[in-house]
C-alpha atoms as a PDB file:
ATOM      1  CA  MET A   1      23.763  36.692 -35.288  1.00  0.00           C
ATOM      2  CA  ALA A   2      20.825  34.258 -34.979  1.00  0.00           C
ATOM      3  CA  THR A   3      18.196  34.060 -37.700  1.00  0.00           C
ATOM      4  CA  PRO A   4      14.841  35.002 -36.167  1.00  0.00           C
ATOM      5  CA  ILE A   5      12.341  32.182 -36.521  1.00  0.00           C
ATOM      6  CA  ARG A   6       9.034  31.356 -34.815  1.00  0.00           C
ATOM      7  CA  ILE A   7       8.977  28.476 -32.444  1.00  0.00           C
ATOM      8  CA  ARG A   8       6.297  26.496 -34.283  1.00  0.00           C
ATOM      9  CA  GLU A   9       7.990  26.975 -37.619  1.00  0.00           C
ATOM     10  CA  ALA A  10      11.264  25.870 -35.944  1.00  0.00           C
ATOM     11  CA  LYS A  11       9.498  22.696 -34.747  1.00  0.00           C
ATOM     12  CA  GLU A  12       8.217  21.892 -38.346  1.00  0.00           C
ATOM     13  CA  ARG A  13      11.805  22.241 -39.594  1.00  0.00           C
ATOM     14  CA  PHE A  14      13.168  20.077 -36.759  1.00  0.00           C
ATOM     15  CA  GLU A  15      10.643  17.252 -37.618  1.00  0.00           C
ATOM     16  CA  GLY A  16      11.681  17.554 -41.262  1.00  0.00           C
ATOM     17  CA  PHE A  17      15.330  17.239 -40.275  1.00  0.00           C
ATOM     18  CA  LEU A  18      14.560  14.104 -38.169  1.00  0.00           C
ATOM     19  CA  LYS A  19      12.777  12.577 -41.260  1.00  0.00           C
ATOM     20  CA  SER A  20      15.605  13.425 -43.530  1.00  0.00           C
ATOM     21  CA  LYS A  21      17.910  11.403 -41.195  1.00  0.00           C
ATOM     22  CA  ASN A  22      15.631   8.388 -41.620  1.00  0.00           C
ATOM     23  CA  LYS A  23      14.468   8.448 -37.985  1.00  0.00           C
ATOM     24  CA  ALA A  24      11.685   6.043 -37.209  1.00  0.00           C
ATOM     25  CA  SER A  25       8.239   7.475 -37.430  1.00  0.00           C
ATOM     26  CA  ALA A  26       7.637   6.691 -33.840  1.00  0.00           C
ATOM     27  CA  THR A  27      10.748   8.584 -32.887  1.00  0.00           C
ATOM     28  CA  VAL A  28       9.720  11.570 -34.865  1.00  0.00           C
ATOM     29  CA  LEU A  29       6.217  11.364 -33.368  1.00  0.00           C
ATOM     30  CA  ALA A  30       7.690  11.194 -29.852  1.00  0.00           C
ATOM     31  CA  TYR A  31       9.906  14.269 -30.368  1.00  0.00           C
ATOM     32  CA  GLY A  32       7.102  16.145 -31.884  1.00  0.00           C
ATOM     33  CA  LYS A  33       4.759  15.534 -28.937  1.00  0.00           C
ATOM     34  CA  ASP A  34       7.468  16.597 -26.423  1.00  0.00           C
ATOM     35  CA  ILE A  35       8.219  19.798 -28.293  1.00  0.00           C
ATOM     36  CA  ASP A  36       4.477  20.539 -28.739  1.00  0.00           C
ATOM     37  CA  GLN A  37       4.082  20.406 -24.951  1.00  0.00           C
ATOM     38  CA  LEU A  38       7.054  22.757 -24.647  1.00  0.00           C
ATOM     39  CA  ILE A  39       5.653  25.159 -27.260  1.00  0.00           C
ATOM     40  CA  SER A  40       2.179  25.326 -25.571  1.00  0.00           C
ATOM     41  CA  PHE A  41       3.838  26.279 -22.364  1.00  0.00           C
ATOM     42  CA  LEU A  42       5.953  28.893 -23.970  1.00  0.00           C
ATOM     43  CA  GLU A  43       3.019  30.478 -25.726  1.00  0.00           C
ATOM     44  CA  GLU A  44       1.412  31.010 -22.346  1.00  0.00           C
ATOM     45  CA  LEU A  45       4.479  32.940 -21.447  1.00  0.00           C
ATOM     46  CA  LYS A  46       4.089  34.970 -24.743  1.00  0.00           C
ATOM     47  CA  ARG A  47       7.294  33.562 -26.240  1.00  0.00           C
ATOM     48  CA  GLU A  48       6.890  33.523 -30.001  1.00  0.00           C
ATOM     49  CA  HIS A  49      10.457  33.252 -31.415  1.00  0.00           C
ATOM     50  CA  VAL A  50      13.057  30.748 -30.248  1.00  0.00           C
ATOM     51  CA  HIS A  51      15.689  33.289 -29.352  1.00  0.00           C
ATOM     52  CA  GLU A  52      13.314  34.777 -26.702  1.00  0.00           C
ATOM     53  CA  VAL A  53      13.303  31.498 -24.663  1.00  0.00           C
ATOM     54  CA  THR A  54      15.464  31.414 -21.475  1.00  0.00           C
ATOM     55  CA  SER A  55      16.657  28.641 -19.225  1.00  0.00           C
ATOM     56  CA  GLY A  56      14.218  29.925 -16.622  1.00  0.00           C
ATOM     57  CA  ASP A  57      11.436  29.276 -19.132  1.00  0.00           C
ATOM     58  CA  ILE A  58      12.452  25.707 -19.704  1.00  0.00           C
ATOM     59  CA  GLN A  59      13.029  25.076 -16.147  1.00  0.00           C
ATOM     60  CA  ALA A  60       9.462  26.477 -15.386  1.00  0.00           C
ATOM     61  CA  PHE A  61       8.172  23.975 -18.032  1.00  0.00           C
ATOM     62  CA  LEU A  62       9.744  21.068 -16.363  1.00  0.00           C
ATOM     63  CA  THR A  63       8.378  22.246 -12.941  1.00  0.00           C
ATOM     64  CA  SER A  64       4.933  22.451 -14.377  1.00  0.00           C
ATOM     65  CA  LEU A  65       5.250  18.861 -15.608  1.00  0.00           C
ATOM     66  CA  GLN A  66       6.207  17.647 -12.148  1.00  0.00           C
ATOM     67  CA  GLY A  67       3.166  19.552 -10.835  1.00  0.00           C
ATOM     68  CA  LYS A  68       0.976  17.546 -13.219  1.00  0.00           C
ATOM     69  CA  GLY A  69       2.288  14.295 -11.828  1.00  0.00           C
ATOM     70  CA  TYR A  70       4.977  13.348 -14.427  1.00  0.00           C
ATOM     71  CA  THR A  71       7.625  11.098 -12.983  1.00  0.00           C
ATOM     72  CA  PRO A  72      11.199  12.340 -12.834  1.00  0.00           C
ATOM     73  CA  LYS A  73      12.129   9.869 -15.606  1.00  0.00           C
ATOM     74  CA  SER A  74       9.400  11.279 -17.890  1.00  0.00           C
ATOM     75  CA  VAL A  75      10.483  14.875 -17.083  1.00  0.00           C
ATOM     76  CA  SER A  76      14.161  13.889 -17.775  1.00  0.00           C
ATOM     77  CA  ARG A  77      13.008  12.553 -21.296  1.00  0.00           C
ATOM     78  CA  LYS A  78      11.220  15.872 -22.029  1.00  0.00           C
ATOM     79  CA  LEU A  79      14.452  17.707 -21.318  1.00  0.00           C
ATOM     80  CA  ASN A  80      16.406  15.344 -23.506  1.00  0.00           C
ATOM     81  CA  SER A  81      13.962  16.084 -26.319  1.00  0.00           C
ATOM     82  CA  THR A  82      14.251  19.854 -25.701  1.00  0.00           C
ATOM     83  CA  ARG A  83      18.108  19.646 -25.819  1.00  0.00           C
ATOM     84  CA  THR A  84      17.950  17.707 -29.143  1.00  0.00           C
ATOM     85  CA  PHE A  85      15.601  20.386 -30.410  1.00  0.00           C
ATOM     86  CA  TYR A  86      17.954  23.133 -29.318  1.00  0.00           C
ATOM     87  CA  ARG A  87      21.034  21.367 -30.669  1.00  0.00           C
ATOM     88  CA  PHE A  88      19.314  21.549 -34.076  1.00  0.00           C
ATOM     89  CA  LEU A  89      18.453  25.187 -33.573  1.00  0.00           C
ATOM     90  CA  LYS A  90      22.068  26.136 -32.771  1.00  0.00           C
ATOM     91  CA  ILE A  91      23.579  24.135 -35.623  1.00  0.00           C
ATOM     92  CA  ASN A  92      21.266  25.912 -37.986  1.00  0.00           C
ATOM     93  CA  GLU A  93      22.091  29.238 -36.318  1.00  0.00           C
ATOM     94  CA  TYR A  94      18.584  29.945 -35.190  1.00  0.00           C
ATOM     95  CA  VAL A  95      19.966  30.609 -31.724  1.00  0.00           C
ATOM     96  CA  THR A  96      23.335  31.575 -30.581  1.00  0.00           C
ATOM     97  CA  ASP A  97      23.138  30.128 -27.109  1.00  0.00           C
ATOM     98  CA  ASP A  98      21.517  26.985 -25.937  1.00  0.00           C
ATOM     99  CA  PRO A  99      19.330  27.648 -22.677  1.00  0.00           C
ATOM    100  CA  SER A 100      18.519  23.932 -22.275  1.00  0.00           C
ATOM    101  CA  LEU A 101      22.142  23.157 -21.202  1.00  0.00           C
ATOM    102  CA  LEU A 102      21.664  25.386 -18.132  1.00  0.00           C
ATOM    103  CA  VAL A 103      18.826  23.177 -16.882  1.00  0.00           C
ATOM    104  CA  GLU A 104      19.657  20.105 -14.819  1.00  0.00           C
ATOM    105  CA  HIS A 105      17.997  16.730 -15.089  1.00  0.00           C
ATOM    106  CA  PRO A 106      15.807  15.621 -12.182  1.00  0.00           C
ATOM    107  CA  LYS A 107      17.481  12.849 -10.336  1.00  0.00           C
ATOM    108  CA  TYR A 108      15.876   9.347 -10.480  1.00  0.00           C
ATOM    109  CA  GLU A 109      17.095   5.717 -10.213  1.00  0.00           C
ATOM    110  CA  LEU A 110      16.889   3.460 -13.197  1.00  0.00           C
ATOM    111  CA  ASN A 111      14.991   0.171 -12.643  1.00  0.00           C
ATOM    112  CA  PRO A 112      17.298  -2.726 -13.055  1.00  0.00           C
ATOM    113  CA  PRO A 113      16.556  -4.820 -16.237  1.00  0.00           C
ATOM    114  CA  ARG A 114      14.327  -7.666 -15.791  1.00  0.00           C
ATOM    115  CA  VAL A 115      16.096 -10.897 -16.319  1.00  0.00           C
ATOM    116  CA  LEU A 116      14.200 -14.194 -16.623  1.00  0.00           C
ATOM    117  CA  SER A 117      15.374 -17.016 -14.483  1.00  0.00           C
ATOM    118  CA  PRO A 118      15.994 -20.432 -16.157  1.00  0.00           C
ATOM    119  CA  LEU A 119      12.776 -21.677 -14.682  1.00  0.00           C
ATOM    120  CA  GLU A 120      10.865 -18.799 -16.276  1.00  0.00           C
ATOM    121  CA  TYR A 121      12.293 -18.903 -19.724  1.00  0.00           C
ATOM    122  CA  ARG A 122      11.924 -22.661 -19.723  1.00  0.00           C
ATOM    123  CA  ALA A 123       8.353 -22.136 -18.787  1.00  0.00           C
ATOM    124  CA  LEU A 124       7.799 -19.681 -21.682  1.00  0.00           C
ATOM    125  CA  ARG A 125       9.274 -22.207 -24.142  1.00  0.00           C
ATOM    126  CA  ASP A 126       6.857 -24.909 -22.732  1.00  0.00           C
ATOM    127  CA  SER A 127       3.921 -22.549 -23.096  1.00  0.00           C
ATOM    128  CA  ALA A 128       4.762 -21.871 -26.831  1.00  0.00           C
ATOM    129  CA  SER A 129       5.903 -25.327 -27.717  1.00  0.00           C
ATOM    130  CA  SER A 130       2.620 -25.999 -29.741  1.00  0.00           C
ATOM    131  CA  ASP A 131       3.056 -22.812 -31.794  1.00  0.00           C
ATOM    132  CA  SER A 132       6.027 -23.386 -34.008  1.00  0.00           C
ATOM    133  CA  ARG A 133       6.093 -19.638 -35.197  1.00  0.00           C
ATOM    134  CA  ILE A 134       6.113 -18.200 -31.614  1.00  0.00           C
ATOM    135  CA  TYR A 135       8.409 -20.775 -30.401  1.00  0.00           C
ATOM    136  CA  ALA A 136      10.910 -19.853 -33.082  1.00  0.00           C
ATOM    137  CA  ILE A 137      10.515 -16.163 -32.188  1.00  0.00           C
ATOM    138  CA  VAL A 138      11.152 -16.961 -28.567  1.00  0.00           C
ATOM    139  CA  GLU A 139      14.377 -18.876 -29.368  1.00  0.00           C
ATOM    140  CA  ILE A 140      15.661 -16.251 -31.700  1.00  0.00           C
ATOM    141  CA  LEU A 141      15.226 -13.517 -29.120  1.00  0.00           C
ATOM    142  CA  LEU A 142      16.674 -15.594 -26.296  1.00  0.00           C
ATOM    143  CA  GLN A 143      19.655 -17.083 -28.350  1.00  0.00           C
ATOM    144  CA  THR A 144      20.680 -14.014 -30.349  1.00  0.00           C
ATOM    145  CA  GLY A 145      19.585 -11.020 -28.329  1.00  0.00           C
ATOM    146  CA  VAL A 146      18.176  -9.126 -31.453  1.00  0.00           C
ATOM    147  CA  ARG A 147      15.688  -6.414 -30.907  1.00  0.00           C
ATOM    148  CA  ILE A 148      11.937  -7.063 -31.763  1.00  0.00           C
ATOM    149  CA  GLY A 149      11.991  -4.497 -34.608  1.00  0.00           C
ATOM    150  CA  GLU A 150      15.017  -6.217 -36.076  1.00  0.00           C
ATOM    151  CA  LEU A 151      13.402  -9.584 -35.728  1.00  0.00           C
ATOM    152  CA  ALA A 152      10.293  -8.476 -37.585  1.00  0.00           C
ATOM    153  CA  ASN A 153      12.499  -7.223 -40.314  1.00  0.00           C
ATOM    154  CA  ILE A 154      14.364 -10.487 -40.999  1.00  0.00           C
ATOM    155  CA  ARG A 155      14.005 -11.872 -44.499  1.00  0.00           C
ATOM    156  CA  LEU A 156      14.206 -15.512 -45.657  1.00  0.00           C
ATOM    157  CA  GLU A 157      17.536 -14.914 -47.357  1.00  0.00           C
ATOM    158  CA  ASP A 158      18.974 -13.478 -44.103  1.00  0.00           C
ATOM    159  CA  VAL A 159      18.880 -17.119 -42.483  1.00  0.00           C
ATOM    160  CA  LYS A 160      22.262 -18.687 -43.294  1.00  0.00           C
ATOM    161  CA  GLU A 161      23.516 -22.046 -42.159  1.00  0.00           C
ATOM    162  CA  ASN A 162      25.172 -20.911 -38.947  1.00  0.00           C
ATOM    163  CA  THR A 163      24.398 -17.174 -38.842  1.00  0.00           C
ATOM    164  CA  LEU A 164      21.571 -14.594 -39.041  1.00  0.00           C
ATOM    165  CA  LEU A 165      21.929 -11.334 -40.906  1.00  0.00           C
ATOM    166  CA  VAL A 166      20.406  -8.565 -38.890  1.00  0.00           C
ATOM    167  CA  ARG A 167      19.505  -5.664 -41.350  1.00  0.00           C
ATOM    168  CA  GLN A 168      20.118  -2.072 -40.519  1.00  0.00           C
ATOM    169  CA  TYR A 169      17.014  -0.900 -38.556  1.00  0.00           C
ATOM    170  CA  GLU A 170      16.192   2.464 -37.076  1.00  0.00           C
ATOM    171  CA  GLY A 171      19.902   3.463 -36.829  1.00  0.00           C
ATOM    172  CA  HIS A 172      20.986   0.172 -35.528  1.00  0.00           C
ATOM    173  CA  PRO A 173      23.881  -1.359 -37.610  1.00  0.00           C
ATOM    174  CA  LEU A 174      23.908  -4.155 -40.030  1.00  0.00           C
ATOM    175  CA  ARG A 175      25.480  -7.215 -38.546  1.00  0.00           C
ATOM    176  CA  GLU A 176      25.756 -11.075 -38.496  1.00  0.00           C
ATOM    177  CA  VAL A 177      24.921 -13.023 -35.300  1.00  0.00           C
ATOM    178  CA  PRO A 178      25.681 -16.601 -34.642  1.00  0.00           C
ATOM    179  CA  LEU A 179      22.883 -19.191 -34.678  1.00  0.00           C
ATOM    180  CA  ASN A 180      23.254 -21.956 -32.108  1.00  0.00           C
ATOM    181  CA  ARG A 181      21.569 -25.354 -32.165  1.00  0.00           C
ATOM    182  CA  ARG A 182      18.413 -24.338 -30.326  1.00  0.00           C
ATOM    183  CA  ALA A 183      17.783 -21.335 -32.651  1.00  0.00           C
ATOM    184  CA  LYS A 184      18.599 -23.425 -35.764  1.00  0.00           C
ATOM    185  CA  ASP A 185      16.206 -26.306 -34.592  1.00  0.00           C
ATOM    186  CA  ALA A 186      13.365 -23.892 -33.866  1.00  0.00           C
ATOM    187  CA  LEU A 187      13.854 -22.192 -37.202  1.00  0.00           C
ATOM    188  CA  LYS A 188      13.773 -25.423 -39.072  1.00  0.00           C
ATOM    189  CA  ARG A 189      10.661 -26.472 -37.374  1.00  0.00           C
ATOM    190  CA  TYR A 190       8.883 -23.075 -38.178  1.00  0.00           C
ATOM    191  CA  LEU A 191      10.052 -23.098 -41.876  1.00  0.00           C
ATOM    192  CA  GLU A 192       8.357 -26.618 -42.345  1.00  0.00           C
ATOM    193  CA  ILE A 193       4.923 -25.118 -41.558  1.00  0.00           C
ATOM    194  CA  ARG A 194       5.398 -21.510 -42.832  1.00  0.00           C
ATOM    195  CA  PRO A 195       2.630 -20.526 -45.273  1.00  0.00           C
ATOM    196  CA  ASN A 196       3.666 -20.328 -48.989  1.00  0.00           C
ATOM    197  CA  THR A 197       3.557 -16.662 -49.900  1.00  0.00           C
ATOM    198  CA  SER A 198       5.298 -14.164 -52.062  1.00  0.00           C
ATOM    199  CA  ASP A 199       6.246 -12.030 -49.107  1.00  0.00           C
ATOM    200  CA  ASP A 200       9.904 -12.716 -48.108  1.00  0.00           C
ATOM    201  CA  HIS A 201       9.671 -11.754 -44.410  1.00  0.00           C
ATOM    202  CA  LEU A 202      10.803 -14.519 -42.166  1.00  0.00           C
ATOM    203  CA  PHE A 203       8.013 -14.350 -39.851  1.00  0.00           C
ATOM    204  CA  ILE A 204       4.429 -13.929 -41.354  1.00  0.00           C
ATOM    205  CA  THR A 205       0.736 -14.204 -40.487  1.00  0.00           C
ATOM    206  CA  LYS A 206      -1.348 -17.169 -41.480  1.00  0.00           C
ATOM    207  CA  THR A 207      -2.536 -15.045 -44.415  1.00  0.00           C
ATOM    208  CA  GLY A 208       0.956 -14.488 -45.580  1.00  0.00           C
ATOM    209  CA  LYS A 209       1.441 -10.886 -44.440  1.00  0.00           C
ATOM    210  CA  PRO A 210       4.467  -9.650 -42.445  1.00  0.00           C
ATOM    211  CA  PHE A 211       4.167 -10.342 -38.664  1.00  0.00           C
ATOM    212  CA  LEU A 212       4.176  -6.784 -37.303  1.00  0.00           C
ATOM    213  CA  VAL A 213       6.082  -5.634 -34.229  1.00  0.00           C
ATOM    214  CA  ARG A 214       2.863  -4.882 -32.212  1.00  0.00           C
ATOM    215  CA  ASN A 215       1.437  -8.381 -33.043  1.00  0.00           C
ATOM    216  CA  ILE A 216       4.630 -10.135 -32.024  1.00  0.00           C
ATOM    217  CA  ARG A 217       4.694  -8.163 -28.793  1.00  0.00           C
ATOM    218  CA  ASP A 218       1.054  -9.057 -28.070  1.00  0.00           C
ATOM    219  CA  ALA A 219       1.668 -12.667 -28.749  1.00  0.00           C
ATOM    220  CA  ILE A 220       4.735 -13.056 -26.620  1.00  0.00           C
ATOM    221  CA  GLU A 221       3.040 -11.229 -23.670  1.00  0.00           C
ATOM    222  CA  ARG A 222       0.015 -13.580 -24.098  1.00  0.00           C
ATOM    223  CA  TYR A 223       2.411 -16.505 -23.737  1.00  0.00           C
ATOM    224  CA  PHE A 224       4.138 -14.947 -20.639  1.00  0.00           C
ATOM    225  CA  ARG A 225       0.708 -14.832 -19.093  1.00  0.00           C
ATOM    226  CA  LYS A 226       0.012 -18.591 -20.014  1.00  0.00           C
ATOM    227  CA  ALA A 227       3.296 -19.562 -18.500  1.00  0.00           C
ATOM    228  CA  GLY A 228       2.505 -17.677 -15.283  1.00  0.00           C
ATOM    229  CA  ILE A 229       5.369 -15.239 -15.675  1.00  0.00           C
ATOM    230  CA  GLU A 230       4.569 -11.887 -14.044  1.00  0.00           C
ATOM    231  CA  ASP A 231       5.913  -8.365 -14.962  1.00  0.00           C
ATOM    232  CA  ALA A 232       7.775  -9.514 -17.985  1.00  0.00           C
ATOM    233  CA  LYS A 233       7.899  -7.906 -21.438  1.00  0.00           C
ATOM    234  CA  ILE A 234       9.383  -9.040 -24.723  1.00  0.00           C
ATOM    235  CA  ASN A 235      12.498  -6.810 -24.282  1.00  0.00           C
ATOM    236  CA  ASP A 236      13.314  -8.795 -21.115  1.00  0.00           C
ATOM    237  CA  LEU A 237      14.381 -11.690 -23.485  1.00  0.00           C
ATOM    238  CA  ARG A 238      17.243  -9.385 -24.874  1.00  0.00           C
ATOM    239  CA  HIS A 239      18.058  -8.542 -21.231  1.00  0.00           C
ATOM    240  CA  THR A 240      18.252 -12.235 -20.301  1.00  0.00           C
ATOM    241  CA  PHE A 241      20.551 -12.869 -23.238  1.00  0.00           C
ATOM    242  CA  VAL A 242      22.923 -10.225 -22.154  1.00  0.00           C
ATOM    243  CA  ALA A 243      22.986 -11.237 -18.449  1.00  0.00           C
ATOM    244  CA  HIS A 244      23.447 -14.863 -19.324  1.00  0.00           C
ATOM    245  CA  HIS A 245      26.443 -14.204 -21.553  1.00  0.00           C
ATOM    246  CA  LEU A 246      28.201 -11.793 -19.189  1.00  0.00           C
ATOM    247  CA  LYS A 247      27.804 -14.246 -16.287  1.00  0.00           C
ATOM    248  CA  ASN A 248      29.435 -16.929 -18.406  1.00  0.00           C
ATOM    249  CA  GLY A 249      32.531 -14.944 -19.461  1.00  0.00           C
ATOM    250  CA  VAL A 250      31.597 -13.819 -22.990  1.00  0.00           C
ATOM    251  CA  SER A 251      33.837 -10.900 -24.121  1.00  0.00           C
ATOM    252  CA  MET A 252      31.986  -7.691 -23.521  1.00  0.00           C
ATOM    253  CA  VAL A 253      33.424  -6.170 -26.771  1.00  0.00           C
ATOM    254  CA  PHE A 254      32.173  -9.229 -28.688  1.00  0.00           C
ATOM    255  CA  LEU A 255      28.766  -9.261 -26.994  1.00  0.00           C
ATOM    256  CA  SER A 256      28.477  -5.431 -27.715  1.00  0.00           C
ATOM    257  CA  LYS A 257      28.880  -6.168 -31.391  1.00  0.00           C
ATOM    258  CA  VAL A 258      26.402  -9.005 -31.437  1.00  0.00           C
ATOM    259  CA  LEU A 259      23.858  -6.823 -29.681  1.00  0.00           C
ATOM    260  CA  GLY A 260      24.428  -3.869 -32.148  1.00  0.00           C
ATOM    261  CA  HIS A 261      25.269  -1.429 -29.391  1.00  0.00           C
ATOM    262  CA  LYS A 262      26.843   1.728 -30.697  1.00  0.00           C
ATOM    263  CA  ARG A 263      28.649   2.239 -27.392  1.00  0.00           C
ATOM    264  CA  LEU A 264      30.302  -0.314 -25.127  1.00  0.00           C
ATOM    265  CA  SER A 265      28.829   1.575 -22.146  1.00  0.00           C
ATOM    266  CA  SER A 266      25.387   0.270 -23.195  1.00  0.00           C
ATOM    267  CA  THR A 267      26.603  -3.231 -22.488  1.00  0.00           C
ATOM    268  CA  GLU A 268      28.541  -2.266 -19.458  1.00  0.00           C
ATOM    269  CA  ARG A 269      25.537  -0.876 -17.648  1.00  0.00           C
ATOM    270  CA  TYR A 270      24.457  -4.494 -17.049  1.00  0.00           C
ATOM    271  CA  LEU A 271      27.392  -5.233 -14.878  1.00  0.00           C
ATOM    272  CA  GLN A 272      26.002  -3.172 -11.935  1.00  0.00           C
ATOM    273  CA  TYR A 273      23.000  -5.423 -11.701  1.00  0.00           C
ATOM    274  CA  LEU A 274      24.819  -8.823 -11.847  1.00  0.00           C
ATOM    275  CA  LYS A 275      26.279 -10.398  -8.773  1.00  0.00           C
ATOM    276  CA  GLU A 276      28.615 -12.778 -10.570  1.00  0.00           C
ATOM    277  CA  VAL A 277      30.425 -12.067 -13.766  1.00  0.00           C
ATOM    278  CA  LYS A 278      33.137 -14.228 -15.142  1.00  0.00           C
ATOM    279  CA  ASN A 279      36.279 -12.854 -16.771  1.00  0.00           C
ATOM    280  CA  GLY A 280      35.044 -11.968 -20.236  1.00  0.00           C
ATOM    281  CA  GLU A 281      37.307 -13.532 -22.870  1.00  0.00           C
ATOM    282  CA  SER A 282      35.129 -16.001 -24.831  1.00  0.00           C
ATOM    283  CA  THR A 283      33.703 -15.192 -28.220  1.00  0.00           C
ATOM    284  CA  ASN A 284      31.386 -18.087 -28.236  1.00  0.00           C
ATOM    285  CA  LEU A 285      27.696 -17.550 -27.499  1.00  0.00           C
ATOM    286  CA  ILE A 286      26.215 -20.060 -25.000  1.00  0.00           C
ATOM    287  CA  GLU A 287      22.818 -21.706 -25.264  1.00  0.00           C
ATOM    288  CA  LEU A 288      20.202 -20.674 -22.784  1.00  0.00           C
END
């Protein structure tokens, strides 16, 4: 038999569970906001305890979101949050059945990843050529495919002669990625002008503080605009890395490990957007 628990108390315990699993603060916040929306709707239906909620209630919640102008993709994400919440509830025996599993995701098409053309990423390089720090960041992202959060977390000691140690970050695995000539040259140029500071982060501000994710993102997007590249985001450098290597016959299994993908399917999904893909056997990364 399920243990009776009020919905808001269950939500607090859910957030505590996420924090205990070292989930990123942004992830905990996002789940919290989604579940808060669900709870507010359920309170209008006079549902106080989690075991009182039905699949019809959850479906009505999603329908109300669509009526407020939420896109199918956003509604689908809210359902994913609800299912994660209910998975926690069921594991902890607060409910015996999971009503969210009876609710279907709205159908929508994923936008293809934005892949920069050679002309575009060369223009980005040119626009950042006078800024050694940003130039090095662009090259690391293009030549290794690391995530922006992983890049911000790199320490000086992580830079080896031919590899870069990517630390565990927000659930993504610890791994080493190869450094090619372009990446090494860009890093060497940056390290020559890097301010002396006690902070051991690789990329720092002029005052010696860690160069934060939001500031890195803002800086790269500013250089995108300077280069005249439209509708591009910093994550598109990672997409470009993946597409370039799949087109040039790099092993998908090897590439998946370099990217820190937990599932091979995360790498495979790019195939549907690429017109030409060589037989993937190589385990050598190719300069962009």
